Structures are given as C-alpha cells and as structure tokens.
Protein backbone atom coordinates (compact mmCIF):
# COMPACT_ATOMS: atom_id res chain seq x y z
CA UNK A 1 17.33 1.69 9.17
CA UNK A 2 19.19 4.31 11.19
CA UNK A 3 15.90 6.24 11.93
CA UNK A 4 12.51 4.80 13.18
CA UNK A 5 11.08 6.69 9.91
CA UNK A 6 13.31 4.53 7.61
CA UNK A 7 11.95 1.43 9.58
CA UNK A 8 8.42 2.36 8.79
CA UNK A 9 8.93 3.46 5.12
CA UNK A 10 10.90 0.28 4.43
CA UNK A 11 7.89 -1.75 5.60
CA UNK A 12 9.65 -2.92 8.72
CA UNK A 13 12.48 -4.26 6.37
CA UNK A 14 10.19 -5.81 3.87
CA UNK A 15 11.36 -3.25 1.32
CA UNK A 16 14.86 -4.42 1.57
CA UNK A 17 14.04 -7.63 -0.40
CA UNK A 18 16.43 -8.26 -3.32
CA UNK A 19 13.43 -9.51 -5.27
CA UNK A 20 10.45 -7.22 -6.31
CA UNK A 21 10.46 -5.24 -3.07
CA UNK A 22 6.93 -3.68 -3.89
CA UNK A 23 5.47 -7.21 -4.10
CA UNK A 24 7.20 -8.35 -0.98
CA UNK A 25 5.96 -5.18 0.68
CA UNK A 26 2.43 -5.98 -0.42
CA UNK A 27 2.82 -9.60 0.68
CA UNK A 28 3.94 -8.17 4.22
CA UNK A 29 0.72 -6.00 4.20
CA UNK A 30 -1.37 -9.14 3.48
CA UNK A 31 0.14 -11.15 6.25
CA UNK A 32 -0.08 -8.37 8.84
CA UNK A 33 -3.61 -7.66 7.99
CA UNK A 34 -4.59 -11.28 8.79
CA UNK A 35 -2.74 -10.82 12.18
CA UNK A 36 -4.09 -7.37 13.00
CA UNK A 37 -7.62 -7.46 11.62
CA UNK A 38 -9.12 -9.85 14.31
CA UNK A 39 -8.17 -7.44 17.12
CA UNK A 40 -9.72 -4.22 15.63
CA UNK A 41 -13.30 -3.49 14.66
CA UNK A 42 -14.11 -1.46 11.56
CA UNK A 43 -13.98 2.06 13.34
CA UNK A 44 -10.64 1.62 15.14
CA UNK A 45 -9.20 -0.03 11.92
CA UNK A 46 -10.10 2.82 9.90
CA UNK A 47 -8.47 5.18 12.44
CA UNK A 48 -5.37 3.06 12.49
CA UNK A 49 -5.26 3.34 8.77
CA UNK A 50 -5.53 7.14 8.74
CA UNK A 51 -2.73 7.38 11.32
CA UNK A 52 -0.59 4.96 9.26
CA UNK A 53 -1.32 7.14 6.10
CA UNK A 54 -0.35 10.47 7.81
CA UNK A 55 2.67 9.02 9.54
CA UNK A 56 3.66 7.30 6.42
CA UNK A 57 3.78 10.45 4.35
CA UNK A 58 6.39 11.85 6.89
CA UNK A 59 8.28 8.66 7.03
CA UNK A 60 8.51 8.34 3.19
CA UNK A 61 9.42 12.09 2.88
CA UNK A 62 12.26 11.68 5.39
CA UNK A 63 13.54 8.42 3.91
CA UNK A 64 13.36 9.60 0.28
CA UNK A 65 15.39 12.67 1.16
CA UNK A 66 17.98 10.52 2.98
CA UNK A 67 18.20 8.06 0.09
CA UNK A 68 18.29 10.90 -2.42
CA UNK A 69 15.26 9.36 -4.24
CA UNK A 70 11.64 10.37 -3.38
CA UNK A 71 10.28 6.88 -4.33
CA UNK A 72 13.19 4.59 -3.91
CA UNK A 73 12.33 1.03 -4.53
CA UNK A 74 12.90 0.01 -1.03
CA UNK A 75 10.19 2.34 0.13
CA UNK A 76 7.13 0.12 0.38
CA UNK A 77 4.94 1.87 3.07
CA UNK A 78 2.92 3.33 0.19
CA UNK A 79 2.08 -0.31 -0.78
CA UNK A 80 1.12 -1.35 2.77
CA UNK A 81 -1.20 1.15 4.04
CA UNK A 82 -3.59 1.30 0.71
CA UNK A 83 -3.55 -2.58 0.55
CA UNK A 84 -4.55 -2.91 4.11
CA UNK A 85 -7.52 -0.73 3.15
CA UNK A 86 -8.23 -2.82 0.03
CA UNK A 87 -8.23 -5.84 2.16
CA UNK A 88 -10.59 -4.29 4.67
CA UNK A 89 -13.14 -3.87 1.96
CA UNK A 90 -12.44 -7.09 0.12
CA UNK A 91 -14.95 -9.97 0.45
CA UNK A 92 -14.01 -12.60 2.89
CA UNK A 93 -11.99 -15.52 1.75
CA UNK A 94 -8.52 -16.43 0.30
CA UNK A 95 -9.52 -16.23 -3.35
CA UNK A 96 -10.95 -12.77 -3.11
CA UNK A 97 -7.87 -11.64 -1.22
CA UNK A 98 -5.62 -13.25 -3.86
CA UNK A 99 -7.69 -11.26 -6.65
CA UNK A 100 -7.06 -8.23 -4.68
CA UNK A 101 -3.36 -8.74 -4.28
CA UNK A 102 -3.01 -9.45 -8.05
CA UNK A 103 -5.05 -6.38 -9.21
CA UNK A 104 -3.46 -4.13 -6.73
CA UNK A 105 -0.04 -5.16 -8.05
CA UNK A 106 -1.20 -4.79 -11.62
CA UNK A 107 -2.34 -1.21 -10.98
CA UNK A 108 0.60 -0.28 -8.77
CA UNK A 109 3.01 -1.41 -11.52
CA UNK A 110 1.10 0.03 -14.59
CA UNK A 111 0.01 3.28 -12.86
CA UNK A 112 -3.05 4.33 -14.93
CA UNK A 113 -4.08 7.84 -14.56
CA UNK A 114 -4.33 9.63 -12.33
CA UNK A 115 -1.72 7.54 -10.34
CA UNK A 116 0.71 8.20 -13.17
CA UNK A 117 0.43 11.88 -12.63
CA UNK A 118 1.05 11.54 -8.83
CA UNK A 119 4.07 9.38 -9.64
CA UNK A 120 5.64 11.84 -12.08
CA UNK A 121 4.74 15.16 -10.51
CA UNK A 122 4.36 14.86 -6.91
CA UNK A 123 8.06 13.99 -5.72
CA UNK A 124 7.31 13.88 -2.15
CA UNK A 125 5.89 11.66 0.66
CA UNK A 126 2.19 12.46 -0.22
CA UNK A 127 2.77 11.88 -3.85
CA UNK A 128 4.33 8.54 -3.33
CA UNK A 129 1.44 7.61 -1.01
CA UNK A 130 -1.27 8.78 -3.38
CA UNK A 131 -0.14 6.97 -6.50
CA UNK A 132 -0.82 3.64 -4.47
CA UNK A 133 -4.07 5.15 -3.20
CA UNK A 134 -5.23 5.30 -6.86
CA UNK A 135 -4.03 1.61 -7.28
CA UNK A 136 -6.21 0.68 -4.34
CA UNK A 137 -9.21 2.68 -5.88
CA UNK A 138 -8.77 0.72 -9.19
CA UNK A 139 -8.44 -2.54 -7.25
CA UNK A 140 -11.68 -2.03 -5.32
CA UNK A 141 -13.52 -0.91 -8.35
CA UNK A 142 -12.63 -4.17 -10.25
CA UNK A 143 -13.30 -6.27 -7.23
CA UNK A 144 -16.94 -4.73 -6.98
CA UNK A 145 -17.35 -5.30 -10.79
CA UNK A 146 -16.25 -8.90 -10.28
CA UNK A 147 -18.57 -9.49 -7.37
CA UNK A 148 -21.47 -7.99 -9.32
CA UNK A 149 -20.78 -10.20 -12.30
CA UNK A 150 -20.50 -13.36 -10.06
CA UNK A 151 -23.71 -12.62 -8.32
C-alpha cells in the first residue's frame, strides 16, 4: 500500500483478505456499485468504468511488478471493474445480482477460453484485466439466456 497504484490494484484493501481475496474483491465491487450507481447515469457510469479500466491496467502492472507476480492473489481490481460492468447490465433485483455474482466467480475461477489464454499468455496489467473481462462476458451471456428462459 506504499503507492497509490497498489491501493487501487488491491481493491482499496479488499484484496488483502486472508480468505478468498478474489471473492472478497467481487463483494467489494457489489457493495460499491450499490453506493455509486444512484449518483451516475448510464453515460457517466460507462465513462467512469472506462477510466477505471485504463487506470487499473497501469495500477495492476505496477503492483504486479512490485510483488514479483503479475497476477498476485491480492490484486483484485481486475475483478472489481468488470463486475461493475456486469452489475450495470444485470436486471434489477437482489436475486439477479446474486446470480451475476455467482456466475462471475464461477467463470473467473474456471477461466474458460479465451480467458485462460489471457491468463496464461499475457503476463501484464492488460492481460490480468482481460481474463476477467471475458468472465464478465460469459456472465452476461448466461444472464441473458436465463432471462430469456424465464420470460
């Protein structure tokens, strides 16, 4: 936490959890989404996400280098920003958000292709972020299919 980039990459400290830091980081994303979303319309929120993504790539790169591991377990900004995007597009309601959380964690942990390719071959801030962007894409696809099935 000696540098502001580390504070960002470690998800404002949520990545320092002794128990499942990726899950705790995603829970942090859910909580902060609930707090942030009422204050930003769709356009400004998307701009905020784009900025958070770009700054996150740099913060993750710097923190990964400082820790000697590009995707250290305590780095959770890569979970936070894509999950914010998922929540933005998730139907309203606690149960939909819970489904989004569970699906996102499943895809983040299992890393189906092409997420696995980014995880294994791009050992830098962008690669770390992109494997979670893929998890977000799979999550949104599953949520859309679920919504279609239920309607």
